[in-house]
């Protein structure tokens, strides 16, 4: 893994039509050791729903650039049991979600269906090779929320979707 520049765009999802097109499903739980806007530190645990394979990572993300489109990211795989133990040090309200990987027209969309405190929120992200890269939008993709900080997982830990005034 290591240090890289993450370039992604984030969208709300209009329907569950993506589910039948998904190539995989993974349950995730992630906690945050630090949510400072300049450097977010995250622990992520995952379980593949098809193979039951379990993995863990620790990730450091730098400050968002380009209206939220890009930022420096460092990620390292860690032992699952160590990751589980680190979750005990994280802020309250860990993120719980099922991630669907959905191939579409040469891109992979990561669609996160949130559970727990963020139940009802469904967000899709697409990682791109450069900020100006073009891509086809599937019909289930809704409004872009890339520059809206409240949709970041680090923000959802501090102000879960269930607390938003709707």
N, C-alpha and C. Protein backbone atom coordinates (compact mmCIF):
# COMPACT_ATOMS: atom_id res chain seq x y z
N UNK A 1 0.84 -1.16 0.00
CA UNK A 1 0.00 0.00 0.00
C UNK A 1 0.89 1.24 0.00
N UNK A 2 1.14 1.84 1.16
CA UNK A 2 2.04 2.96 1.24
C UNK A 2 1.39 4.29 0.98
N UNK A 3 2.23 5.29 0.70
CA UNK A 3 1.79 6.67 0.50
C UNK A 3 1.33 6.89 -0.93
N UNK A 4 0.18 7.53 -1.09
CA UNK A 4 -0.34 7.80 -2.43
C UNK A 4 -1.22 9.03 -2.40
N UNK A 5 -1.61 9.49 -3.59
CA UNK A 5 -2.56 10.58 -3.71
C UNK A 5 -3.90 9.96 -4.08
N UNK A 6 -4.89 10.11 -3.21
CA UNK A 6 -6.22 9.57 -3.45
C UNK A 6 -7.05 10.64 -4.15
N UNK A 7 -7.60 10.29 -5.30
CA UNK A 7 -8.47 11.20 -6.05
C UNK A 7 -9.81 10.49 -6.21
N UNK A 8 -10.85 11.07 -5.61
CA UNK A 8 -12.15 10.41 -5.68
C UNK A 8 -13.27 11.43 -5.71
N UNK A 9 -14.41 10.97 -6.26
CA UNK A 9 -15.63 11.77 -6.24
C UNK A 9 -16.70 10.97 -5.53
N UNK A 10 -17.57 11.68 -4.82
CA UNK A 10 -18.56 11.04 -3.95
C UNK A 10 -19.97 11.50 -4.35
N UNK A 11 -20.91 10.54 -4.35
CA UNK A 11 -22.28 10.80 -4.79
C UNK A 11 -23.29 10.13 -3.87
N UNK A 12 -24.46 10.70 -3.77
CA UNK A 12 -25.57 10.02 -3.14
C UNK A 12 -26.09 8.97 -4.11
N UNK A 13 -26.82 7.99 -3.61
CA UNK A 13 -27.32 6.90 -4.43
C UNK A 13 -28.84 6.96 -4.44
N UNK A 14 -29.43 6.86 -5.64
CA UNK A 14 -30.87 7.03 -5.83
C UNK A 14 -31.69 5.76 -5.59
N UNK A 15 -31.09 4.59 -5.84
CA UNK A 15 -31.85 3.35 -5.72
C UNK A 15 -30.89 2.20 -5.39
N UNK A 16 -31.47 1.03 -5.13
CA UNK A 16 -30.64 -0.13 -4.85
C UNK A 16 -30.32 -0.96 -6.10
N UNK A 17 -30.47 -0.37 -7.28
CA UNK A 17 -30.20 -1.06 -8.55
C UNK A 17 -28.74 -1.53 -8.65
N UNK A 18 -27.84 -0.93 -7.91
CA UNK A 18 -26.43 -1.30 -7.94
C UNK A 18 -26.18 -2.70 -7.38
N UNK A 19 -27.06 -3.16 -6.49
CA UNK A 19 -26.82 -4.43 -5.77
C UNK A 19 -26.66 -5.60 -6.73
N UNK A 20 -27.51 -5.70 -7.74
CA UNK A 20 -27.43 -6.84 -8.66
C UNK A 20 -26.20 -6.77 -9.56
N UNK A 21 -25.58 -5.62 -9.65
CA UNK A 21 -24.39 -5.44 -10.49
C UNK A 21 -23.08 -5.55 -9.70
N UNK A 22 -23.19 -5.71 -8.40
CA UNK A 22 -22.00 -5.73 -7.53
C UNK A 22 -21.18 -7.00 -7.76
N UNK A 23 -19.86 -6.83 -7.77
CA UNK A 23 -18.95 -7.98 -7.91
C UNK A 23 -18.55 -8.55 -6.56
N UNK A 24 -18.68 -7.77 -5.50
CA UNK A 24 -18.38 -8.27 -4.16
C UNK A 24 -19.07 -7.42 -3.10
N UNK A 25 -19.18 -8.01 -1.88
CA UNK A 25 -19.79 -7.33 -0.74
C UNK A 25 -18.89 -7.57 0.47
N UNK A 26 -18.62 -6.48 1.19
CA UNK A 26 -17.75 -6.57 2.35
C UNK A 26 -18.38 -5.79 3.50
N UNK A 27 -18.45 -6.41 4.68
CA UNK A 27 -18.88 -5.70 5.88
C UNK A 27 -17.67 -4.95 6.43
N UNK A 28 -17.86 -3.71 6.83
CA UNK A 28 -16.77 -2.91 7.36
C UNK A 28 -17.18 -2.25 8.68
N UNK A 29 -16.21 -2.16 9.53
CA UNK A 29 -16.34 -1.37 10.76
C UNK A 29 -15.08 -0.54 10.83
N UNK A 30 -15.24 0.76 10.98
CA UNK A 30 -14.06 1.61 11.07
C UNK A 30 -14.23 2.63 12.17
N UNK A 31 -13.13 2.81 12.88
CA UNK A 31 -13.09 3.77 13.97
C UNK A 31 -12.00 4.79 13.71
N UNK A 32 -12.11 5.90 14.39
CA UNK A 32 -11.18 6.99 14.18
C UNK A 32 -10.43 7.30 15.47
N UNK A 33 -9.10 7.29 15.37
CA UNK A 33 -8.24 7.67 16.48
C UNK A 33 -8.09 9.18 16.52
N UNK A 34 -8.25 9.83 15.36
CA UNK A 34 -8.08 11.28 15.24
C UNK A 34 -8.91 11.75 14.05
N UNK A 35 -9.71 12.81 14.22
CA UNK A 35 -10.49 13.35 13.11
C UNK A 35 -10.11 14.80 12.80
N UNK A 36 -8.92 15.21 13.19
CA UNK A 36 -8.43 16.55 12.86
C UNK A 36 -8.47 16.70 11.34
N UNK A 37 -9.04 17.81 10.80
CA UNK A 37 -9.14 17.97 9.34
C UNK A 37 -7.80 17.88 8.61
N UNK A 38 -6.71 18.16 9.29
CA UNK A 38 -5.41 18.11 8.65
C UNK A 38 -4.80 16.72 8.57
N UNK A 39 -5.31 15.79 9.41
CA UNK A 39 -4.75 14.43 9.44
C UNK A 39 -5.69 13.50 10.18
N UNK A 40 -6.41 12.74 9.43
CA UNK A 40 -7.35 11.77 9.98
C UNK A 40 -6.63 10.43 10.13
N UNK A 41 -6.81 9.77 11.28
CA UNK A 41 -6.21 8.45 11.50
C UNK A 41 -7.35 7.47 11.75
N UNK A 42 -7.42 6.43 10.89
CA UNK A 42 -8.53 5.50 10.91
C UNK A 42 -8.04 4.07 11.06
N UNK A 43 -8.84 3.25 11.75
CA UNK A 43 -8.64 1.81 11.82
C UNK A 43 -9.84 1.18 11.13
N UNK A 44 -9.59 0.26 10.20
CA UNK A 44 -10.70 -0.38 9.47
C UNK A 44 -10.59 -1.89 9.59
N UNK A 45 -11.72 -2.52 9.90
CA UNK A 45 -11.84 -3.97 9.92
C UNK A 45 -12.81 -4.36 8.81
N UNK A 46 -12.51 -5.43 8.08
CA UNK A 46 -13.44 -5.86 7.03
C UNK A 46 -13.60 -7.37 7.04
N UNK A 47 -14.80 -7.79 6.57
CA UNK A 47 -15.08 -9.21 6.42
C UNK A 47 -15.80 -9.40 5.10
N UNK A 48 -15.16 -10.15 4.20
CA UNK A 48 -15.76 -10.46 2.90
C UNK A 48 -16.97 -11.36 3.14
N UNK A 49 -18.13 -10.97 2.64
CA UNK A 49 -19.35 -11.72 2.91
C UNK A 49 -19.43 -13.02 2.11
N UNK A 50 -18.61 -13.18 1.09
CA UNK A 50 -18.61 -14.42 0.32
C UNK A 50 -17.61 -15.43 0.86
N UNK A 51 -16.43 -14.96 1.24
CA UNK A 51 -15.36 -15.88 1.68
C UNK A 51 -15.13 -15.88 3.19
N UNK A 52 -15.69 -14.93 3.91
CA UNK A 52 -15.48 -14.73 5.34
C UNK A 52 -14.04 -14.32 5.65
N UNK A 53 -13.27 -13.91 4.65
CA UNK A 53 -11.90 -13.42 4.87
C UNK A 53 -11.95 -12.12 5.66
N UNK A 54 -11.10 -12.03 6.68
CA UNK A 54 -11.06 -10.84 7.54
C UNK A 54 -9.72 -10.13 7.36
N UNK A 55 -9.79 -8.80 7.32
CA UNK A 55 -8.60 -7.98 7.16
C UNK A 55 -8.72 -6.73 8.03
N UNK A 56 -7.56 -6.09 8.26
CA UNK A 56 -7.54 -4.84 9.03
C UNK A 56 -6.47 -3.92 8.45
N UNK A 57 -6.71 -2.62 8.57
CA UNK A 57 -5.77 -1.61 8.10
C UNK A 57 -5.75 -0.44 9.07
N UNK A 58 -4.64 0.26 9.05
CA UNK A 58 -4.57 1.57 9.68
C UNK A 58 -4.26 2.56 8.56
N UNK A 59 -4.96 3.69 8.56
CA UNK A 59 -4.86 4.65 7.47
C UNK A 59 -4.71 6.05 8.03
N UNK A 60 -3.84 6.83 7.39
CA UNK A 60 -3.70 8.25 7.70
C UNK A 60 -4.06 9.01 6.43
N UNK A 61 -5.00 9.94 6.54
CA UNK A 61 -5.40 10.75 5.40
C UNK A 61 -5.08 12.20 5.70
N UNK A 62 -4.47 12.87 4.74
CA UNK A 62 -4.13 14.28 4.89
C UNK A 62 -5.33 15.17 4.59
N UNK A 63 -5.08 16.45 4.65
CA UNK A 63 -6.10 17.46 4.41
C UNK A 63 -6.63 17.35 2.98
N UNK A 64 -7.94 17.52 2.81
CA UNK A 64 -8.55 17.49 1.49
C UNK A 64 -8.08 18.67 0.65
N UNK A 65 -7.82 18.39 -0.61
CA UNK A 65 -7.39 19.39 -1.58
C UNK A 65 -8.42 19.46 -2.70
N UNK A 66 -8.32 20.43 -3.57
CA UNK A 66 -9.17 20.50 -4.77
C UNK A 66 -10.66 20.32 -4.45
N UNK A 67 -11.18 21.06 -3.47
CA UNK A 67 -12.58 20.97 -3.06
C UNK A 67 -12.98 19.55 -2.69
N UNK A 68 -12.08 18.84 -2.04
CA UNK A 68 -12.38 17.50 -1.57
C UNK A 68 -12.07 16.38 -2.54
N UNK A 69 -11.58 16.72 -3.73
CA UNK A 69 -11.32 15.69 -4.75
C UNK A 69 -10.09 14.84 -4.46
N UNK A 70 -9.09 15.39 -3.81
CA UNK A 70 -7.85 14.63 -3.60
C UNK A 70 -7.24 14.92 -2.24
N UNK A 71 -6.41 13.97 -1.81
CA UNK A 71 -5.64 14.14 -0.57
C UNK A 71 -4.60 13.02 -0.48
N UNK A 72 -3.58 13.29 0.30
CA UNK A 72 -2.53 12.30 0.52
C UNK A 72 -3.08 11.24 1.47
N UNK A 73 -2.76 9.98 1.16
CA UNK A 73 -3.24 8.87 1.98
C UNK A 73 -2.11 7.86 2.18
N UNK A 74 -1.97 7.39 3.41
CA UNK A 74 -1.05 6.30 3.74
C UNK A 74 -1.86 5.20 4.39
N UNK A 75 -1.70 3.98 3.88
CA UNK A 75 -2.46 2.86 4.43
C UNK A 75 -1.55 1.66 4.58
N UNK A 76 -1.74 0.95 5.69
CA UNK A 76 -0.92 -0.24 5.97
C UNK A 76 -1.81 -1.34 6.53
N UNK A 77 -1.67 -2.53 5.97
CA UNK A 77 -2.37 -3.69 6.49
C UNK A 77 -1.80 -4.04 7.87
N UNK A 78 -2.68 -4.41 8.80
CA UNK A 78 -2.25 -4.81 10.14
C UNK A 78 -2.96 -6.11 10.51
N UNK A 79 -2.49 -6.76 11.55
CA UNK A 79 -3.10 -7.98 12.04
C UNK A 79 -4.54 -7.69 12.48
N UNK A 80 -5.48 -8.57 12.12
CA UNK A 80 -6.89 -8.34 12.42
C UNK A 80 -7.14 -8.18 13.92
N UNK A 81 -6.52 -9.02 14.74
CA UNK A 81 -6.72 -8.93 16.19
C UNK A 81 -6.18 -7.61 16.75
N UNK A 82 -5.06 -7.14 16.20
CA UNK A 82 -4.54 -5.84 16.63
C UNK A 82 -5.49 -4.71 16.22
N UNK A 83 -6.03 -4.81 15.01
CA UNK A 83 -6.99 -3.81 14.56
C UNK A 83 -8.22 -3.79 15.44
N UNK A 84 -8.70 -4.99 15.81
CA UNK A 84 -9.86 -5.09 16.68
C UNK A 84 -9.57 -4.46 18.04
N UNK A 85 -8.37 -4.69 18.56
CA UNK A 85 -7.98 -4.09 19.85
C UNK A 85 -7.89 -2.56 19.73
N UNK A 86 -7.36 -2.05 18.62
CA UNK A 86 -7.26 -0.60 18.42
C UNK A 86 -8.63 0.07 18.35
N UNK A 87 -9.65 -0.67 17.91
CA UNK A 87 -11.00 -0.10 17.85
C UNK A 87 -11.44 0.40 19.24
N UNK A 88 -10.93 -0.23 20.29
CA UNK A 88 -11.27 0.20 21.65
C UNK A 88 -10.72 1.56 22.01
N UNK A 89 -9.75 2.06 21.25
CA UNK A 89 -9.17 3.38 21.49
C UNK A 89 -9.82 4.47 20.66
N UNK A 90 -10.72 4.08 19.76
CA UNK A 90 -11.30 5.03 18.80
C UNK A 90 -12.44 5.84 19.42
N UNK A 91 -12.78 6.91 18.72
CA UNK A 91 -13.89 7.77 19.11
C UNK A 91 -15.20 6.99 19.10
N UNK A 92 -16.22 7.47 19.82
CA UNK A 92 -17.52 6.80 19.82
C UNK A 92 -18.14 6.78 18.41
N UNK A 93 -19.15 5.96 18.25
CA UNK A 93 -19.92 5.83 17.02
C UNK A 93 -19.06 5.38 15.83
N UNK A 94 -18.46 4.21 15.92
CA UNK A 94 -17.69 3.73 14.76
C UNK A 94 -18.62 3.60 13.54
N UNK A 95 -18.03 3.71 12.38
CA UNK A 95 -18.77 3.56 11.13
C UNK A 95 -19.01 2.08 10.88
N UNK A 96 -20.25 1.73 10.61
CA UNK A 96 -20.62 0.36 10.24
C UNK A 96 -21.29 0.44 8.88
N UNK A 97 -20.82 -0.39 7.94
CA UNK A 97 -21.39 -0.32 6.59
C UNK A 97 -21.11 -1.61 5.84
N UNK A 98 -21.90 -1.80 4.79
CA UNK A 98 -21.64 -2.85 3.82
C UNK A 98 -21.18 -2.15 2.55
N UNK A 99 -20.03 -2.56 2.04
CA UNK A 99 -19.49 -1.96 0.82
C UNK A 99 -19.70 -2.93 -0.34
N UNK A 100 -20.29 -2.39 -1.40
CA UNK A 100 -20.49 -3.13 -2.64
C UNK A 100 -19.52 -2.57 -3.68
N UNK A 101 -18.75 -3.43 -4.34
CA UNK A 101 -17.91 -2.99 -5.45
C UNK A 101 -18.69 -3.23 -6.73
N UNK A 102 -18.92 -2.13 -7.47
CA UNK A 102 -19.79 -2.19 -8.64
C UNK A 102 -19.04 -1.71 -9.88
N UNK A 103 -18.65 -2.64 -10.77
CA UNK A 103 -17.99 -2.22 -12.01
C UNK A 103 -19.01 -1.57 -12.95
N UNK A 104 -18.58 -0.47 -13.60
CA UNK A 104 -19.45 0.21 -14.56
C UNK A 104 -18.60 1.00 -15.54
N UNK A 105 -18.66 0.64 -16.80
CA UNK A 105 -18.01 1.38 -17.88
C UNK A 105 -16.55 1.73 -17.58
N UNK A 106 -15.77 0.75 -17.15
CA UNK A 106 -14.34 0.94 -16.92
C UNK A 106 -13.96 1.49 -15.56
N UNK A 107 -14.94 1.75 -14.70
CA UNK A 107 -14.67 2.25 -13.35
C UNK A 107 -15.23 1.25 -12.33
N UNK A 108 -14.72 1.34 -11.11
CA UNK A 108 -15.27 0.58 -10.00
C UNK A 108 -15.86 1.58 -9.02
N UNK A 109 -17.15 1.50 -8.80
CA UNK A 109 -17.83 2.33 -7.82
C UNK A 109 -17.88 1.57 -6.51
N UNK A 110 -17.48 2.22 -5.42
CA UNK A 110 -17.60 1.65 -4.08
C UNK A 110 -18.86 2.24 -3.47
N UNK A 111 -19.86 1.41 -3.30
CA UNK A 111 -21.14 1.88 -2.76
C UNK A 111 -21.25 1.43 -1.31
N UNK A 112 -21.35 2.39 -0.41
CA UNK A 112 -21.42 2.12 1.02
C UNK A 112 -22.84 2.30 1.52
N UNK A 113 -23.41 1.20 2.03
CA UNK A 113 -24.72 1.21 2.66
C UNK A 113 -24.45 1.22 4.16
N UNK A 114 -24.76 2.34 4.81
CA UNK A 114 -24.42 2.53 6.21
C UNK A 114 -25.45 1.88 7.13
N UNK A 115 -24.97 1.46 8.31
CA UNK A 115 -25.79 0.84 9.34
C UNK A 115 -25.59 1.62 10.64
N UNK A 116 -26.19 1.15 11.71
CA UNK A 116 -26.00 1.77 13.02
C UNK A 116 -26.46 3.21 13.04
N UNK A 117 -25.63 4.08 13.58
CA UNK A 117 -25.95 5.51 13.73
C UNK A 117 -26.12 6.22 12.38
N UNK A 118 -25.67 5.60 11.29
CA UNK A 118 -25.76 6.22 9.97
C UNK A 118 -26.73 5.49 9.04
N UNK A 119 -27.60 4.65 9.63
CA UNK A 119 -28.61 3.91 8.87
C UNK A 119 -29.40 4.86 7.98
N UNK A 120 -29.64 4.44 6.74
CA UNK A 120 -30.40 5.25 5.79
C UNK A 120 -29.54 6.02 4.81
N UNK A 121 -28.25 6.13 5.08
CA UNK A 121 -27.34 6.83 4.17
C UNK A 121 -26.69 5.82 3.23
N UNK A 122 -26.71 6.13 1.93
CA UNK A 122 -26.03 5.31 0.92
C UNK A 122 -25.22 6.26 0.05
N UNK A 123 -23.91 6.02 -0.02
CA UNK A 123 -23.00 6.90 -0.75
C UNK A 123 -22.13 6.06 -1.67
N UNK A 124 -21.88 6.57 -2.87
CA UNK A 124 -20.99 5.90 -3.83
C UNK A 124 -19.77 6.77 -4.08
N UNK A 125 -18.61 6.13 -4.15
CA UNK A 125 -17.37 6.83 -4.48
C UNK A 125 -16.74 6.16 -5.69
N UNK A 126 -16.08 6.97 -6.49
CA UNK A 126 -15.30 6.44 -7.60
C UNK A 126 -13.90 7.06 -7.53
N UNK A 127 -12.88 6.21 -7.52
CA UNK A 127 -11.50 6.70 -7.52
C UNK A 127 -11.07 6.91 -8.96
N UNK A 128 -10.36 8.01 -9.17
CA UNK A 128 -9.98 8.40 -10.53
C UNK A 128 -8.46 8.56 -10.63
N UNK A 129 -7.91 8.43 -11.84
CA UNK A 129 -6.46 8.56 -12.00
C UNK A 129 -5.97 10.01 -11.94
N UNK A 130 -6.87 10.96 -12.20
CA UNK A 130 -6.53 12.39 -12.12
C UNK A 130 -7.80 13.19 -11.86
N UNK A 131 -7.63 14.39 -11.36
CA UNK A 131 -8.76 15.23 -10.95
C UNK A 131 -9.71 15.50 -12.12
N UNK A 132 -9.19 15.64 -13.31
CA UNK A 132 -10.02 16.00 -14.47
C UNK A 132 -10.55 14.79 -15.24
N UNK A 133 -10.32 13.58 -14.75
CA UNK A 133 -10.75 12.37 -15.45
C UNK A 133 -12.27 12.34 -15.61
N UNK A 134 -12.71 11.91 -16.78
CA UNK A 134 -14.13 11.78 -17.08
C UNK A 134 -14.56 10.33 -16.85
N UNK A 135 -15.84 10.11 -16.56
CA UNK A 135 -16.37 8.76 -16.37
C UNK A 135 -17.86 8.77 -16.66
N UNK A 136 -18.39 7.60 -16.96
CA UNK A 136 -19.81 7.44 -17.20
C UNK A 136 -20.54 7.29 -15.86
N UNK A 137 -21.69 7.92 -15.75
CA UNK A 137 -22.49 7.85 -14.52
C UNK A 137 -23.59 6.80 -14.67
N UNK A 138 -23.62 5.82 -13.78
CA UNK A 138 -24.74 4.88 -13.81
C UNK A 138 -26.04 5.58 -13.44
N UNK A 139 -27.18 5.01 -13.86
CA UNK A 139 -28.46 5.68 -13.64
C UNK A 139 -28.88 5.73 -12.17
N UNK A 140 -28.26 4.94 -11.31
CA UNK A 140 -28.59 4.95 -9.88
C UNK A 140 -27.77 5.97 -9.09
N UNK A 141 -26.88 6.69 -9.78
CA UNK A 141 -26.04 7.69 -9.12
C UNK A 141 -26.78 9.01 -9.03
N UNK A 142 -26.82 9.60 -7.83
CA UNK A 142 -27.53 10.84 -7.59
C UNK A 142 -26.61 12.05 -7.53
N UNK A 143 -26.96 12.99 -6.69
CA UNK A 143 -26.24 14.26 -6.58
C UNK A 143 -24.81 14.05 -6.09
N UNK A 144 -23.90 14.84 -6.63
CA UNK A 144 -22.51 14.80 -6.17
C UNK A 144 -22.38 15.54 -4.85
N UNK A 145 -21.66 14.93 -3.91
CA UNK A 145 -21.46 15.52 -2.59
C UNK A 145 -19.97 15.56 -2.21
N UNK A 146 -19.11 15.49 -3.22
CA UNK A 146 -17.66 15.44 -2.99
C UNK A 146 -17.19 16.58 -2.09
N UNK A 147 -17.66 17.78 -2.33
CA UNK A 147 -17.17 18.93 -1.57
C UNK A 147 -17.94 19.17 -0.27
N UNK A 148 -18.92 18.32 0.04
CA UNK A 148 -19.70 18.48 1.27
C UNK A 148 -19.10 17.62 2.37
N UNK A 149 -18.36 18.25 3.26
CA UNK A 149 -17.62 17.56 4.30
C UNK A 149 -18.44 16.67 5.22
N UNK A 150 -19.72 16.96 5.37
CA UNK A 150 -20.55 16.17 6.29
C UNK A 150 -20.69 14.72 5.84
N UNK A 151 -20.39 14.43 4.57
CA UNK A 151 -20.50 13.06 4.05
C UNK A 151 -19.22 12.24 4.21
N UNK A 152 -18.16 12.84 4.74
CA UNK A 152 -16.95 12.04 4.98
C UNK A 152 -17.19 11.13 6.17
N UNK A 153 -16.56 9.96 6.15
CA UNK A 153 -16.72 9.03 7.26
C UNK A 153 -16.24 9.64 8.57
N UNK A 154 -15.17 10.41 8.52
CA UNK A 154 -14.66 11.06 9.73
C UNK A 154 -15.70 12.02 10.31
N UNK A 155 -16.44 12.72 9.47
CA UNK A 155 -17.50 13.61 9.95
C UNK A 155 -18.68 12.83 10.49
N UNK A 156 -18.98 11.69 9.87
CA UNK A 156 -20.11 10.87 10.31
C UNK A 156 -19.88 10.27 11.69
N UNK A 157 -18.61 10.13 12.10
CA UNK A 157 -18.30 9.67 13.44
C UNK A 157 -18.70 10.74 14.46
N UNK A 158 -18.43 11.99 14.13
CA UNK A 158 -18.72 13.09 15.05
C UNK A 158 -20.18 13.54 14.99
N UNK A 159 -20.78 13.50 13.82
CA UNK A 159 -22.19 13.88 13.65
C UNK A 159 -22.86 12.85 12.75
N UNK A 160 -23.33 11.74 13.36
CA UNK A 160 -23.94 10.67 12.58
C UNK A 160 -25.18 11.14 11.80
N UNK A 161 -25.44 10.45 10.72
CA UNK A 161 -26.58 10.74 9.84
C UNK A 161 -27.89 10.77 10.62
N UNK A 162 -28.03 9.92 11.63
CA UNK A 162 -29.27 9.86 12.41
C UNK A 162 -29.55 11.15 13.18
N UNK A 163 -28.53 12.00 13.36
CA UNK A 163 -28.72 13.26 14.10
C UNK A 163 -29.01 14.45 13.17
N UNK A 164 -28.91 14.24 11.86
CA UNK A 164 -29.16 15.33 10.92
C UNK A 164 -30.63 15.70 10.93
N UNK A 165 -30.92 16.97 10.79
CA UNK A 165 -32.30 17.44 10.65
C UNK A 165 -32.68 17.19 9.20
N UNK A 166 -33.74 16.43 9.02
CA UNK A 166 -34.14 16.07 7.64
C UNK A 166 -35.37 16.80 7.21
